[in-house]
Amino acid sequence: MIVENLCNLAVLTSGARYTFACLPLKLAEADGAPARVLAWVDDTSVATQKLM
């Protein structure tokens, strides 16, 4: 799977660790598809940043 042309990445905090999910839309007879891409902060990285 290739994920490209993501937008709004600037809103993600630099240095934080994220979990990423790509949810492609199923299209009949297509060799590619648009997708919903999600990113959320890993709780463990937030806890580590608060300790520093």
N, C-alpha and C. Protein backbone atom coordinates (compact mmCIF):
# COMPACT_ATOMS: atom_id res chain seq x y z
N MET A 1 0.84 -1.16 0.00
CA MET A 1 0.00 0.00 0.00
C MET A 1 0.90 1.23 0.00
N ILE A 2 0.57 2.18 -0.84
CA ILE A 2 1.28 3.46 -0.89
C ILE A 2 0.32 4.53 -0.41
N VAL A 3 0.76 5.33 0.56
CA VAL A 3 -0.05 6.44 1.07
C VAL A 3 0.69 7.71 0.73
N GLU A 4 0.07 8.58 -0.04
CA GLU A 4 0.72 9.81 -0.46
C GLU A 4 -0.28 10.95 -0.52
N ASN A 5 0.25 12.16 -0.67
CA ASN A 5 -0.56 13.38 -0.77
C ASN A 5 -1.40 13.64 0.47
N LEU A 6 -0.83 13.36 1.65
CA LEU A 6 -1.54 13.67 2.89
C LEU A 6 -1.49 15.17 3.13
N CYS A 7 -2.54 15.71 3.71
CA CYS A 7 -2.57 17.14 4.00
C CYS A 7 -2.84 17.36 5.49
N ASN A 8 -2.62 18.58 5.94
CA ASN A 8 -2.81 19.00 7.34
C ASN A 8 -1.87 18.31 8.31
N LEU A 9 -0.72 17.87 7.84
CA LEU A 9 0.25 17.24 8.72
C LEU A 9 0.89 18.25 9.68
N ALA A 10 0.83 19.53 9.34
CA ALA A 10 1.42 20.57 10.19
C ALA A 10 0.72 20.67 11.54
N VAL A 11 -0.50 20.19 11.66
CA VAL A 11 -1.21 20.26 12.94
C VAL A 11 -0.73 19.19 13.92
N LEU A 12 0.03 18.21 13.45
CA LEU A 12 0.58 17.19 14.34
C LEU A 12 1.79 17.76 15.08
N THR A 13 1.87 17.50 16.36
CA THR A 13 2.95 18.03 17.19
C THR A 13 4.27 17.35 16.83
N SER A 14 5.27 18.15 16.58
CA SER A 14 6.59 17.63 16.25
C SER A 14 7.18 16.91 17.46
N GLY A 15 7.77 15.76 17.24
CA GLY A 15 8.41 15.00 18.31
C GLY A 15 7.49 14.04 19.03
N ALA A 16 6.18 14.16 18.83
CA ALA A 16 5.24 13.24 19.47
C ALA A 16 5.18 11.95 18.65
N ARG A 17 4.79 10.88 19.28
CA ARG A 17 4.65 9.60 18.60
C ARG A 17 3.17 9.37 18.33
N TYR A 18 2.85 8.97 17.10
CA TYR A 18 1.47 8.79 16.67
C TYR A 18 1.19 7.37 16.20
N THR A 19 -0.03 6.95 16.36
CA THR A 19 -0.52 5.73 15.71
C THR A 19 -1.25 6.19 14.46
N PHE A 20 -1.06 5.45 13.39
CA PHE A 20 -1.55 5.84 12.07
C PHE A 20 -2.47 4.74 11.54
N ALA A 21 -3.60 5.14 10.97
CA ALA A 21 -4.51 4.17 10.34
C ALA A 21 -4.93 4.71 8.98
N CYS A 22 -4.94 3.85 8.00
CA CYS A 22 -5.38 4.20 6.66
C CYS A 22 -6.59 3.34 6.32
N LEU A 23 -7.71 3.98 6.02
CA LEU A 23 -8.96 3.27 5.76
C LEU A 23 -9.39 3.54 4.32
N PRO A 24 -8.94 2.71 3.38
CA PRO A 24 -9.29 2.94 1.97
C PRO A 24 -10.77 2.68 1.70
N LEU A 25 -11.32 3.47 0.80
CA LEU A 25 -12.70 3.27 0.38
C LEU A 25 -12.72 2.20 -0.71
N LYS A 26 -13.58 1.24 -0.57
CA LYS A 26 -13.65 0.14 -1.53
C LYS A 26 -14.44 0.60 -2.76
N LEU A 27 -13.77 0.57 -3.91
CA LEU A 27 -14.40 0.95 -5.17
C LEU A 27 -14.36 -0.25 -6.12
N ALA A 28 -15.49 -0.55 -6.72
CA ALA A 28 -15.56 -1.69 -7.65
C ALA A 28 -14.70 -1.42 -8.88
N GLU A 29 -13.96 -2.44 -9.29
CA GLU A 29 -13.15 -2.42 -10.51
C GLU A 29 -12.15 -1.27 -10.56
N ALA A 30 -11.58 -0.91 -9.41
CA ALA A 30 -10.59 0.17 -9.37
C ALA A 30 -9.26 -0.39 -8.89
N ASP A 31 -8.16 0.18 -9.38
CA ASP A 31 -6.85 -0.27 -8.92
C ASP A 31 -6.26 0.70 -7.90
N GLY A 32 -7.02 1.70 -7.53
CA GLY A 32 -6.62 2.66 -6.50
C GLY A 32 -7.87 3.21 -5.85
N ALA A 33 -7.72 3.86 -4.73
CA ALA A 33 -8.90 4.38 -4.04
C ALA A 33 -8.51 5.51 -3.10
N PRO A 34 -9.42 6.47 -2.92
CA PRO A 34 -9.19 7.47 -1.88
C PRO A 34 -9.31 6.81 -0.51
N ALA A 35 -8.78 7.46 0.50
CA ALA A 35 -8.80 6.84 1.84
C ALA A 35 -8.99 7.90 2.92
N ARG A 36 -9.53 7.48 4.04
CA ARG A 36 -9.54 8.27 5.26
C ARG A 36 -8.27 7.88 6.01
N VAL A 37 -7.50 8.87 6.38
CA VAL A 37 -6.26 8.59 7.11
C VAL A 37 -6.37 9.25 8.48
N LEU A 38 -6.11 8.47 9.51
CA LEU A 38 -6.24 8.94 10.89
C LEU A 38 -4.89 8.85 11.59
N ALA A 39 -4.65 9.79 12.48
CA ALA A 39 -3.46 9.74 13.33
C ALA A 39 -3.87 10.20 14.71
N TRP A 40 -3.45 9.46 15.73
CA TRP A 40 -3.73 9.88 17.10
C TRP A 40 -2.47 9.70 17.93
N VAL A 41 -2.34 10.53 18.95
CA VAL A 41 -1.17 10.52 19.81
C VAL A 41 -1.17 9.25 20.63
N ASP A 42 -0.02 8.57 20.67
CA ASP A 42 0.15 7.41 21.55
C ASP A 42 0.18 7.90 22.98
N ASP A 43 -0.59 7.31 23.84
CA ASP A 43 -0.64 7.71 25.25
C ASP A 43 0.72 7.59 25.92
N THR A 44 1.50 6.60 25.55
CA THR A 44 2.80 6.41 26.18
C THR A 44 3.75 7.55 25.86
N SER A 45 3.70 8.11 24.64
CA SER A 45 4.59 9.20 24.29
C SER A 45 4.19 10.47 25.02
N VAL A 46 2.89 10.67 25.24
CA VAL A 46 2.42 11.86 25.96
C VAL A 46 2.89 11.78 27.42
N ALA A 47 2.77 10.60 28.01
CA ALA A 47 3.21 10.42 29.40
C ALA A 47 4.71 10.66 29.52
N THR A 48 5.47 10.21 28.54
CA THR A 48 6.92 10.41 28.56
C THR A 48 7.26 11.89 28.43
N GLN A 49 6.56 12.61 27.56
CA GLN A 49 6.82 14.04 27.38
C GLN A 49 6.49 14.82 28.65
N LYS A 50 5.46 14.42 29.40
CA LYS A 50 5.10 15.12 30.62
C LYS A 50 6.14 14.92 31.71
N LEU A 51 6.85 13.79 31.68
CA LEU A 51 7.87 13.51 32.68
C LEU A 51 9.14 14.31 32.43
N MET A 52 9.37 14.71 31.20
CA MET A 52 10.62 15.43 30.86
C MET A 52 10.57 16.88 31.24
